[in-house]
Every structure is written in structure tokens, then in C-alpha cells.
Amino acid sequence: SGIGPLKPADALAYGPAMMVNLLGVAPAEALRSVTSVAARACGLG
């Protein structure tokens, strides 16, 4: 976020739908990618 008009600070919430639509992942996997998987990657799991 921050690097352009499509990347405001509240952009993350739109990411899981993009993952479902572009990559064909299941919704639960997309939601994990912004919750538990992301927390684990940041050392906060």
C-alpha cells in the first residue's frame, strides 16, 4: 500500500477476491492468506 492510487491503506480487503478470481483458489484459502498465513509469515502466528 501507498505506491499508487490503486494501493491505498485499506486495499488489502480486496485481495482475497482477486486471488479467488485470478488464481482459482478456494475462498477459505484466500482468507487464510490475509489472516493466519500472513500472521505466521510475520512471526506472529
PDB file of all heavy atoms in Angstrom:
ATOM      1  N   SER A   1       0.817  -1.212   0.000  1.00  0.00           N
ATOM      2  CA  SER A   1       0.000   0.000   0.000  1.00  0.00           C
ATOM      3  C   SER A   1       0.848   1.258   0.000  1.00  0.00           C
ATOM      4  O   SER A   1       1.958   1.300   0.517  1.00  0.00           O
ATOM      5  CB  SER A   1      -0.926   0.007   1.211  1.00  0.00           C
ATOM      6  OG  SER A   1      -0.202   0.191   2.410  1.00  0.00           O
ATOM      7  N   GLY A   2       0.283   2.292  -0.620  1.00  0.00           N
ATOM      8  CA  GLY A   2       0.899   3.604  -0.684  1.00  0.00           C
ATOM      9  C   GLY A   2       1.534   3.945  -2.005  1.00  0.00           C
ATOM     10  O   GLY A   2       1.753   5.126  -2.305  1.00  0.00           O
ATOM     11  N   ILE A   3       1.828   2.936  -2.843  1.00  0.00           N
ATOM     12  CA  ILE A   3       2.657   3.186  -4.019  1.00  0.00           C
ATOM     13  C   ILE A   3       1.882   3.712  -5.229  1.00  0.00           C
ATOM     14  O   ILE A   3       2.483   3.997  -6.260  1.00  0.00           O
ATOM     15  CB  ILE A   3       3.447   1.929  -4.427  1.00  0.00           C
ATOM     16  CG1 ILE A   3       2.497   0.818  -4.897  1.00  0.00           C
ATOM     17  CG2 ILE A   3       4.334   1.461  -3.287  1.00  0.00           C
ATOM     18  CD1 ILE A   3       3.228  -0.339  -5.562  1.00  0.00           C
ATOM     19  N   GLY A   4       0.564   3.850  -5.122  1.00  0.00           N
ATOM     20  CA  GLY A   4      -0.211   4.379  -6.229  1.00  0.00           C
ATOM     21  C   GLY A   4      -1.681   4.445  -5.886  1.00  0.00           C
ATOM     22  O   GLY A   4      -2.119   3.960  -4.838  1.00  0.00           O
ATOM     23  N   PRO A   5      -2.499   5.049  -6.769  1.00  0.00           N
ATOM     24  CA  PRO A   5      -3.915   5.263  -6.471  1.00  0.00           C
ATOM     25  C   PRO A   5      -4.719   3.983  -6.235  1.00  0.00           C
ATOM     26  O   PRO A   5      -5.750   4.031  -5.558  1.00  0.00           O
ATOM     27  CB  PRO A   5      -4.426   6.004  -7.713  1.00  0.00           C
ATOM     28  CG  PRO A   5      -3.216   6.675  -8.277  1.00  0.00           C
ATOM     29  CD  PRO A   5      -2.086   5.729  -8.010  1.00  0.00           C
ATOM     30  N   LEU A   6      -4.279   2.855  -6.779  1.00  0.00           N
ATOM     31  CA  LEU A   6      -4.980   1.597  -6.556  1.00  0.00           C
ATOM     32  C   LEU A   6      -4.517   0.896  -5.279  1.00  0.00           C
ATOM     33  O   LEU A   6      -5.007  -0.200  -4.969  1.00  0.00           O
ATOM     34  CB  LEU A   6      -4.764   0.654  -7.747  1.00  0.00           C
ATOM     35  CG  LEU A   6      -5.289   1.149  -9.094  1.00  0.00           C
ATOM     36  CD1 LEU A   6      -4.936   0.158 -10.201  1.00  0.00           C
ATOM     37  CD2 LEU A   6      -6.784   1.379  -9.050  1.00  0.00           C
ATOM     38  N   LYS A   7      -3.592   1.528  -4.573  1.00  0.00           N
ATOM     39  CA  LYS A   7      -2.992   0.907  -3.390  1.00  0.00           C
ATOM     40  C   LYS A   7      -3.120   1.793  -2.150  1.00  0.00           C
ATOM     41  O   LYS A   7      -2.131   2.091  -1.471  1.00  0.00           O
ATOM     42  CB  LYS A   7      -1.511   0.627  -3.650  1.00  0.00           C
ATOM     43  CG  LYS A   7      -1.213  -0.303  -4.819  1.00  0.00           C
ATOM     44  CD  LYS A   7      -1.399  -1.741  -4.422  1.00  0.00           C
ATOM     45  CE  LYS A   7      -0.843  -2.699  -5.466  1.00  0.00           C
ATOM     46  NZ  LYS A   7      -0.912  -4.098  -5.029  1.00  0.00           N
ATOM     47  N   PRO A   8      -4.326   2.223  -1.795  1.00  0.00           N
ATOM     48  CA  PRO A   8      -4.479   2.956  -0.533  1.00  0.00           C
ATOM     49  C   PRO A   8      -4.293   2.023   0.649  1.00  0.00           C
ATOM     50  O   PRO A   8      -4.183   0.800   0.496  1.00  0.00           O
ATOM     51  CB  PRO A   8      -5.916   3.492  -0.615  1.00  0.00           C
ATOM     52  CG  PRO A   8      -6.627   2.490  -1.462  1.00  0.00           C
ATOM     53  CD  PRO A   8      -5.618   2.032  -2.482  1.00  0.00           C
ATOM     54  N   ALA A   9      -4.298   2.578   1.836  1.00  0.00           N
ATOM     55  CA  ALA A   9      -4.005   1.797   3.033  1.00  0.00           C
ATOM     56  C   ALA A   9      -5.069   0.766   3.358  1.00  0.00           C
ATOM     57  O   ALA A   9      -4.831  -0.139   4.148  1.00  0.00           O
ATOM     58  CB  ALA A   9      -3.814   2.725   4.228  1.00  0.00           C
ATOM     59  N   ASP A  10      -6.258   0.869   2.750  1.00  0.00           N
ATOM     60  CA  ASP A  10      -7.324  -0.101   3.000  1.00  0.00           C
ATOM     61  C   ASP A  10      -7.521  -1.072   1.839  1.00  0.00           C
ATOM     62  O   ASP A  10      -8.569  -1.695   1.707  1.00  0.00           O
ATOM     63  CB  ASP A  10      -8.646   0.616   3.297  1.00  0.00           C
ATOM     64  CG  ASP A  10      -9.114   1.528   2.163  1.00  0.00           C
ATOM     65  OD1 ASP A  10      -8.321   1.788   1.239  1.00  0.00           O
ATOM     66  OD2 ASP A  10     -10.273   1.994   2.218  1.00  0.00           O
ATOM     67  N   ALA A  11      -6.493  -1.248   1.006  1.00  0.00           N
ATOM     68  CA  ALA A  11      -6.629  -2.085  -0.190  1.00  0.00           C
ATOM     69  C   ALA A  11      -6.667  -3.581   0.101  1.00  0.00           C
ATOM     70  O   ALA A  11      -7.190  -4.362  -0.694  1.00  0.00           O
ATOM     71  CB  ALA A  11      -5.484  -1.791  -1.170  1.00  0.00           C
ATOM     72  N   LEU A  12      -6.112  -4.015   1.239  1.00  0.00           N
ATOM     73  CA  LEU A  12      -5.929  -5.452   1.471  1.00  0.00           C
ATOM     74  C   LEU A  12      -7.235  -6.233   1.387  1.00  0.00           C
ATOM     75  O   LEU A  12      -7.249  -7.368   0.899  1.00  0.00           O
ATOM     76  CB  LEU A  12      -5.278  -5.693   2.828  1.00  0.00           C
ATOM     77  CG  LEU A  12      -4.980  -7.164   3.157  1.00  0.00           C
ATOM     78  CD1 LEU A  12      -3.924  -7.734   2.217  1.00  0.00           C
ATOM     79  CD2 LEU A  12      -4.546  -7.326   4.613  1.00  0.00           C
ATOM     80  N   ALA A  13      -8.324  -5.664   1.857  1.00  0.00           N
ATOM     81  CA  ALA A  13      -9.592  -6.394   1.892  1.00  0.00           C
ATOM     82  C   ALA A  13     -10.056  -6.848   0.508  1.00  0.00           C
ATOM     83  O   ALA A  13     -10.857  -7.779   0.399  1.00  0.00           O
ATOM     84  CB  ALA A  13     -10.671  -5.527   2.541  1.00  0.00           C
ATOM     85  N   TYR A  14      -9.539  -6.221  -0.536  1.00  0.00           N
ATOM     86  CA  TYR A  14      -9.931  -6.591  -1.893  1.00  0.00           C
ATOM     87  C   TYR A  14      -9.065  -7.716  -2.459  1.00  0.00           C
ATOM     88  O   TYR A  14      -9.369  -8.273  -3.512  1.00  0.00           O
ATOM     89  CB  TYR A  14      -9.852  -5.364  -2.812  1.00  0.00           C
ATOM     90  CG  TYR A  14     -10.793  -4.260  -2.397  1.00  0.00           C
ATOM     91  CD1 TYR A  14     -10.428  -3.338  -1.416  1.00  0.00           C
ATOM     92  CD2 TYR A  14     -12.060  -4.152  -2.954  1.00  0.00           C
ATOM     93  CE1 TYR A  14     -11.298  -2.332  -1.002  1.00  0.00           C
ATOM     94  CE2 TYR A  14     -12.943  -3.155  -2.551  1.00  0.00           C
ATOM     95  CZ  TYR A  14     -12.557  -2.250  -1.577  1.00  0.00           C
ATOM     96  OH  TYR A  14     -13.425  -1.275  -1.167  1.00  0.00           O
ATOM     97  N   GLY A  15      -7.986  -8.062  -1.750  1.00  0.00           N
ATOM     98  CA  GLY A  15      -7.054  -9.064  -2.245  1.00  0.00           C
ATOM     99  C   GLY A  15      -7.609 -10.469  -2.332  1.00  0.00           C
ATOM    100  O   GLY A  15      -7.408 -11.159  -3.345  1.00  0.00           O
ATOM    101  N   PRO A  16      -8.301 -10.984  -1.281  1.00  0.00           N
ATOM    102  CA  PRO A  16      -8.799 -12.360  -1.359  1.00  0.00           C
ATOM    103  C   PRO A  16      -9.730 -12.611  -2.552  1.00  0.00           C
ATOM    104  O   PRO A  16      -9.639 -13.667  -3.192  1.00  0.00           O
ATOM    105  CB  PRO A  16      -9.524 -12.529  -0.025  1.00  0.00           C
ATOM    106  CG  PRO A  16      -8.741 -11.673   0.914  1.00  0.00           C
ATOM    107  CD  PRO A  16      -8.410 -10.455   0.102  1.00  0.00           C
ATOM    108  N   ALA A  17     -10.601 -11.682  -2.869  1.00  0.00           N
ATOM    109  CA  ALA A  17     -11.473 -11.871  -4.037  1.00  0.00           C
ATOM    110  C   ALA A  17     -10.644 -11.942  -5.315  1.00  0.00           C
ATOM    111  O   ALA A  17     -10.967 -12.715  -6.236  1.00  0.00           O
ATOM    112  CB  ALA A  17     -12.496 -10.739  -4.121  1.00  0.00           C
ATOM    113  N   MET A  18      -9.565 -11.161  -5.393  1.00  0.00           N
ATOM    114  CA  MET A  18      -8.689 -11.221  -6.562  1.00  0.00           C
ATOM    115  C   MET A  18      -8.011 -12.579  -6.651  1.00  0.00           C
ATOM    116  O   MET A  18      -7.860 -13.141  -7.744  1.00  0.00           O
ATOM    117  CB  MET A  18      -7.650 -10.104  -6.498  1.00  0.00           C
ATOM    118  CG  MET A  18      -8.229  -8.712  -6.575  1.00  0.00           C
ATOM    119  SD  MET A  18      -6.939  -7.445  -6.550  1.00  0.00           S
ATOM    120  CE  MET A  18      -6.062  -7.829  -8.067  1.00  0.00           C
ATOM    121  N   MET A  19      -7.583 -13.129  -5.518  1.00  0.00           N
ATOM    122  CA  MET A  19      -6.945 -14.443  -5.529  1.00  0.00           C
ATOM    123  C   MET A  19      -7.928 -15.527  -6.000  1.00  0.00           C
ATOM    124  O   MET A  19      -7.558 -16.431  -6.750  1.00  0.00           O
ATOM    125  CB  MET A  19      -6.398 -14.783  -4.149  1.00  0.00           C
ATOM    126  CG  MET A  19      -5.247 -13.901  -3.715  1.00  0.00           C
ATOM    127  SD  MET A  19      -4.498 -14.444  -2.163  1.00  0.00           S
ATOM    128  CE  MET A  19      -3.631 -15.923  -2.693  1.00  0.00           C
ATOM    129  N   VAL A  20      -9.174 -15.414  -5.557  1.00  0.00           N
ATOM    130  CA  VAL A  20     -10.186 -16.377  -5.990  1.00  0.00           C
ATOM    131  C   VAL A  20     -10.436 -16.248  -7.489  1.00  0.00           C
ATOM    132  O   VAL A  20     -10.471 -17.242  -8.231  1.00  0.00           O
ATOM    133  CB  VAL A  20     -11.495 -16.168  -5.200  1.00  0.00           C
ATOM    134  CG1 VAL A  20     -12.630 -16.991  -5.808  1.00  0.00           C
ATOM    135  CG2 VAL A  20     -11.294 -16.548  -3.739  1.00  0.00           C
ATOM    136  N   ASN A  21     -10.583 -15.013  -7.962  1.00  0.00           N
ATOM    137  CA  ASN A  21     -10.945 -14.789  -9.365  1.00  0.00           C
ATOM    138  C   ASN A  21      -9.790 -15.040 -10.327  1.00  0.00           C
ATOM    139  O   ASN A  21      -9.994 -15.551 -11.432  1.00  0.00           O
ATOM    140  CB  ASN A  21     -11.461 -13.358  -9.546  1.00  0.00           C
ATOM    141  CG  ASN A  21     -12.761 -13.106  -8.810  1.00  0.00           C
ATOM    142  OD1 ASN A  21     -13.538 -14.030  -8.586  1.00  0.00           O
ATOM    143  ND2 ASN A  21     -12.995 -11.865  -8.415  1.00  0.00           N
ATOM    144  N   LEU A  22      -8.571 -14.683  -9.935  1.00  0.00           N
ATOM    145  CA  LEU A  22      -7.430 -14.788 -10.846  1.00  0.00           C
ATOM    146  C   LEU A  22      -6.686 -16.114 -10.721  1.00  0.00           C
ATOM    147  O   LEU A  22      -6.181 -16.636 -11.721  1.00  0.00           O
ATOM    148  CB  LEU A  22      -6.453 -13.642 -10.595  1.00  0.00           C
ATOM    149  CG  LEU A  22      -6.982 -12.219 -10.864  1.00  0.00           C
ATOM    150  CD1 LEU A  22      -5.902 -11.194 -10.555  1.00  0.00           C
ATOM    151  CD2 LEU A  22      -7.451 -12.078 -12.309  1.00  0.00           C
ATOM    152  N   LEU A  23      -6.615 -16.648  -9.502  1.00  0.00           N
ATOM    153  CA  LEU A  23      -5.833 -17.864  -9.281  1.00  0.00           C
ATOM    154  C   LEU A  23      -6.696 -19.091  -9.047  1.00  0.00           C
ATOM    155  O   LEU A  23      -6.171 -20.211  -8.990  1.00  0.00           O
ATOM    156  CB  LEU A  23      -4.887 -17.680  -8.090  1.00  0.00           C
ATOM    157  CG  LEU A  23      -3.894 -16.517  -8.185  1.00  0.00           C
ATOM    158  CD1 LEU A  23      -3.004 -16.490  -6.950  1.00  0.00           C
ATOM    159  CD2 LEU A  23      -3.057 -16.621  -9.451  1.00  0.00           C
ATOM    160  N   GLY A  24      -7.999 -18.899  -8.881  1.00  0.00           N
ATOM    161  CA  GLY A  24      -8.889 -20.042  -8.698  1.00  0.00           C
ATOM    162  C   GLY A  24      -8.769 -20.710  -7.341  1.00  0.00           C
ATOM    163  O   GLY A  24      -9.156 -21.876  -7.197  1.00  0.00           O
ATOM    164  N   VAL A  25      -8.255 -20.009  -6.331  1.00  0.00           N
ATOM    165  CA  VAL A  25      -8.136 -20.616  -5.010  1.00  0.00           C
ATOM    166  C   VAL A  25      -9.507 -20.631  -4.340  1.00  0.00           C
ATOM    167  O   VAL A  25     -10.400 -19.866  -4.680  1.00  0.00           O
ATOM    168  CB  VAL A  25      -7.117 -19.870  -4.128  1.00  0.00           C
ATOM    169  CG1 VAL A  25      -5.789 -19.719  -4.821  1.00  0.00           C
ATOM    170  CG2 VAL A  25      -7.642 -18.500  -3.718  1.00  0.00           C
ATOM    171  N   ALA A  26      -9.675 -21.511  -3.372  1.00  0.00           N
ATOM    172  CA  ALA A  26     -10.915 -21.555  -2.608  1.00  0.00           C
ATOM    173  C   ALA A  26     -10.990 -20.329  -1.702  1.00  0.00           C
ATOM    174  O   ALA A  26      -9.961 -19.821  -1.250  1.00  0.00           O
ATOM    175  CB  ALA A  26     -10.972 -22.827  -1.770  1.00  0.00           C
ATOM    176  N   PRO A  27     -12.198 -19.841  -1.418  1.00  0.00           N
ATOM    177  CA  PRO A  27     -12.317 -18.664  -0.554  1.00  0.00           C
ATOM    178  C   PRO A  27     -11.616 -18.809   0.793  1.00  0.00           C
ATOM    179  O   PRO A  27     -10.978 -17.861   1.257  1.00  0.00           O
ATOM    180  CB  PRO A  27     -13.827 -18.504  -0.385  1.00  0.00           C
ATOM    181  CG  PRO A  27     -14.406 -19.069  -1.648  1.00  0.00           C
ATOM    182  CD  PRO A  27     -13.509 -20.229  -1.981  1.00  0.00           C
ATOM    183  N   ALA A  28     -11.703 -19.987   1.420  1.00  0.00           N
ATOM    184  CA  ALA A  28     -11.060 -20.159   2.724  1.00  0.00           C
ATOM    185  C   ALA A  28      -9.548 -20.000   2.609  1.00  0.00           C
ATOM    186  O   ALA A  28      -8.908 -19.403   3.493  1.00  0.00           O
ATOM    187  CB  ALA A  28     -11.411 -21.517   3.316  1.00  0.00           C
ATOM    188  N   GLU A  29      -8.958 -20.510   1.543  1.00  0.00           N
ATOM    189  CA  GLU A  29      -7.511 -20.350   1.348  1.00  0.00           C
ATOM    190  C   GLU A  29      -7.153 -18.885   1.163  1.00  0.00           C
ATOM    191  O   GLU A  29      -6.149 -18.400   1.710  1.00  0.00           O
ATOM    192  CB  GLU A  29      -7.046 -21.151   0.132  1.00  0.00           C
ATOM    193  CG  GLU A  29      -5.559 -21.038  -0.140  1.00  0.00           C
ATOM    194  CD  GLU A  29      -5.100 -21.810  -1.368  1.00  0.00           C
ATOM    195  OE1 GLU A  29      -5.846 -22.714  -1.824  1.00  0.00           O
ATOM    196  OE2 GLU A  29      -4.000 -21.506  -1.871  1.00  0.00           O
ATOM    197  N   ALA A  30      -7.974 -18.170   0.408  1.00  0.00           N
ATOM    198  CA  ALA A  30      -7.725 -16.745   0.203  1.00  0.00           C
ATOM    199  C   ALA A  30      -7.829 -15.975   1.515  1.00  0.00           C
ATOM    200  O   ALA A  30      -7.026 -15.070   1.781  1.00  0.00           O
ATOM    201  CB  ALA A  30      -8.712 -16.187  -0.823  1.00  0.00           C
ATOM    202  N   LEU A  31      -8.803 -16.327   2.349  1.00  0.00           N
ATOM    203  CA  LEU A  31      -8.945 -15.653   3.645  1.00  0.00           C
ATOM    204  C   LEU A  31      -7.792 -15.992   4.585  1.00  0.00           C
ATOM    205  O   LEU A  31      -7.320 -15.132   5.338  1.00  0.00           O
ATOM    206  CB  LEU A  31     -10.278 -16.035   4.289  1.00  0.00           C
ATOM    207  CG  LEU A  31     -11.541 -15.556   3.562  1.00  0.00           C
ATOM    208  CD1 LEU A  31     -12.781 -16.078   4.258  1.00  0.00           C
ATOM    209  CD2 LEU A  31     -11.580 -14.038   3.455  1.00  0.00           C
ATOM    210  N   ARG A  32      -7.310 -17.229   4.540  1.00  0.00           N
ATOM    211  CA  ARG A  32      -6.145 -17.585   5.351  1.00  0.00           C
ATOM    212  C   ARG A  32      -4.936 -16.754   4.958  1.00  0.00           C
ATOM    213  O   ARG A  32      -4.082 -16.426   5.791  1.00  0.00           O
ATOM    214  CB  ARG A  32      -5.833 -19.081   5.208  1.00  0.00           C
ATOM    215  CG  ARG A  32      -6.762 -19.997   5.990  1.00  0.00           C
ATOM    216  CD  ARG A  32      -6.247 -21.421   6.040  1.00  0.00           C
ATOM    217  NE  ARG A  32      -6.358 -22.111   4.767  1.00  0.00           N
ATOM    218  CZ  ARG A  32      -7.389 -22.861   4.390  1.00  0.00           C
ATOM    219  NH1 ARG A  32      -8.420 -23.021   5.213  1.00  0.00           N
ATOM    220  NH2 ARG A  32      -7.398 -23.463   3.223  1.00  0.00           N
ATOM    221  N   SER A  33      -4.836 -16.396   3.678  1.00  0.00           N
ATOM    222  CA  SER A  33      -3.656 -15.671   3.197  1.00  0.00           C
ATOM    223  C   SER A  33      -3.573 -14.257   3.748  1.00  0.00           C
ATOM    224  O   SER A  33      -2.509 -13.626   3.674  1.00  0.00           O
ATOM    225  CB  SER A  33      -3.651 -15.626   1.659  1.00  0.00           C
ATOM    226  OG  SER A  33      -4.600 -14.694   1.167  1.00  0.00           O
ATOM    227  N   VAL A  34      -4.676 -13.736   4.313  1.00  0.00           N
ATOM    228  CA  VAL A  34      -4.638 -12.411   4.931  1.00  0.00           C
ATOM    229  C   VAL A  34      -4.877 -12.488   6.438  1.00  0.00           C
ATOM    230  O   VAL A  34      -5.023 -11.460   7.105  1.00  0.00           O
ATOM    231  CB  VAL A  34      -5.667 -11.445   4.294  1.00  0.00           C
ATOM    232  CG1 VAL A  34      -5.292 -11.144   2.847  1.00  0.00           C
ATOM    233  CG2 VAL A  34      -7.087 -12.003   4.376  1.00  0.00           C
ATOM    234  N   THR A  35      -4.901 -13.714   6.978  1.00  0.00           N
ATOM    235  CA  THR A  35      -5.096 -13.888   8.425  1.00  0.00           C
ATOM    236  C   THR A  35      -4.002 -14.793   8.985  1.00  0.00           C
ATOM    237  O   THR A  35      -2.894 -14.346   9.234  1.00  0.00           O
ATOM    238  CB  THR A  35      -6.521 -14.416   8.730  1.00  0.00           C
ATOM    239  OG1 THR A  35      -6.763 -15.635   7.989  1.00  0.00           O
ATOM    240  CG2 THR A  35      -7.574 -13.387   8.355  1.00  0.00           C
ATOM    241  N   SER A  36      -4.281 -16.082   9.135  1.00  0.00           N
ATOM    242  CA  SER A  36      -3.335 -16.959   9.830  1.00  0.00           C
ATOM    243  C   SER A  36      -2.028 -17.151   9.065  1.00  0.00           C
ATOM    244  O   SER A  36      -0.948 -17.182   9.675  1.00  0.00           O
ATOM    245  CB  SER A  36      -3.989 -18.313  10.103  1.00  0.00           C
ATOM    246  OG  SER A  36      -4.427 -18.940   8.913  1.00  0.00           O
ATOM    247  N   VAL A  37      -2.090 -17.292   7.744  1.00  0.00           N
ATOM    248  CA  VAL A  37      -0.857 -17.487   6.962  1.00  0.00           C
ATOM    249  C   VAL A  37      -0.004 -16.221   7.011  1.00  0.00           C
ATOM    250  O   VAL A  37       1.223 -16.279   7.159  1.00  0.00           O
ATOM    251  CB  VAL A  37      -1.191 -17.892   5.516  1.00  0.00           C
ATOM    252  CG1 VAL A  37       0.063 -17.913   4.646  1.00  0.00           C
ATOM    253  CG2 VAL A  37      -1.856 -19.271   5.491  1.00  0.00           C
ATOM    254  N   ALA A  38      -0.648 -15.066   6.872  1.00  0.00           N
ATOM    255  CA  ALA A  38       0.092 -13.805   6.938  1.00  0.00           C
ATOM    256  C   ALA A  38       0.699 -13.588   8.317  1.00  0.00           C
ATOM    257  O   ALA A  38       1.844 -13.141   8.432  1.00  0.00           O
ATOM    258  CB  ALA A  38      -0.840 -12.648   6.579  1.00  0.00           C
ATOM    259  N   ALA A  39      -0.052 -13.910   9.371  1.00  0.00           N
ATOM    260  CA  ALA A  39       0.479 -13.743  10.728  1.00  0.00           C
ATOM    261  C   ALA A  39       1.697 -14.629  10.947  1.00  0.00           C
ATOM    262  O   ALA A  39       2.703 -14.193  11.538  1.00  0.00           O
ATOM    263  CB  ALA A  39      -0.606 -14.070  11.746  1.00  0.00           C
ATOM    264  N   ARG A  40       1.620 -15.874  10.486  1.00  0.00           N
ATOM    265  CA  ARG A  40       2.746 -16.791  10.641  1.00  0.00           C
ATOM    266  C   ARG A  40       3.974 -16.270   9.885  1.00  0.00           C
ATOM    267  O   ARG A  40       5.110 -16.328  10.394  1.00  0.00           O
ATOM    268  CB  ARG A  40       2.354 -18.187  10.162  1.00  0.00           C
ATOM    269  CG  ARG A  40       3.410 -19.251  10.446  1.00  0.00           C
ATOM    270  CD  ARG A  40       2.830 -20.636  10.316  1.00  0.00           C
ATOM    271  NE  ARG A  40       2.287 -20.913   8.993  1.00  0.00           N
ATOM    272  CZ  ARG A  40       0.999 -21.086   8.720  1.00  0.00           C
ATOM    273  NH1 ARG A  40       0.094 -20.999   9.686  1.00  0.00           N
ATOM    274  NH2 ARG A  40       0.593 -21.346   7.498  1.00  0.00           N
ATOM    275  N   ALA A  41       3.772 -15.737   8.687  1.00  0.00           N
ATOM    276  CA  ALA A  41       4.897 -15.213   7.905  1.00  0.00           C
ATOM    277  C   ALA A  41       5.551 -14.021   8.588  1.00  0.00           C
ATOM    278  O   ALA A  41       6.752 -13.783   8.413  1.00  0.00           O
ATOM    279  CB  ALA A  41       4.420 -14.821   6.512  1.00  0.00           C
ATOM    280  N   CYS A  42       4.779 -13.278   9.372  1.00  0.00           N
ATOM    281  CA  CYS A  42       5.313 -12.119  10.096  1.00  0.00           C
ATOM    282  C   CYS A  42       5.859 -12.481  11.469  1.00  0.00           C
ATOM    283  O   CYS A  42       6.260 -11.590  12.233  1.00  0.00           O
ATOM    284  CB  CYS A  42       4.220 -11.058  10.245  1.00  0.00           C
ATOM    285  SG  CYS A  42       3.742 -10.252   8.706  1.00  0.00           S
ATOM    286  N   GLY A  43       5.859 -13.774  11.814  1.00  0.00           N
ATOM    287  CA  GLY A  43       6.362 -14.194  13.104  1.00  0.00           C
ATOM    288  C   GLY A  43       5.384 -13.991  14.244  1.00  0.00           C
ATOM    289  O   GLY A  43       5.775 -13.997  15.415  1.00  0.00           O
ATOM    290  N   LEU A  44       4.098 -13.833  13.907  1.00  0.00           N
ATOM    291  CA  LEU A  44       3.069 -13.571  14.920  1.00  0.00           C
ATOM    292  C   LEU A  44       2.015 -14.663  14.953  1.00  0.00           C
ATOM    293  O   LEU A  44       0.899 -14.439  15.427  1.00  0.00           O
ATOM    294  CB  LEU A  44       2.393 -12.219  14.632  1.00  0.00           C
ATOM    295  CG  LEU A  44       3.294 -10.989  14.655  1.00  0.00           C
ATOM    296  CD1 LEU A  44       2.521  -9.764  14.182  1.00  0.00           C
ATOM    297  CD2 LEU A  44       3.855 -10.751  16.049  1.00  0.00           C
ATOM    298  N   GLY A  45       2.366 -15.843  14.469  1.00  0.00           N
ATOM    299  CA  GLY A  45       1.387 -16.911  14.350  1.00  0.00           C
ATOM    300  C   GLY A  45       0.836 -17.421  15.655  1.00  0.00           C
ATOM    301  O   GLY A  45      -0.183 -18.121  15.664  1.00  0.00           O
TER     302      GLY A  45
END
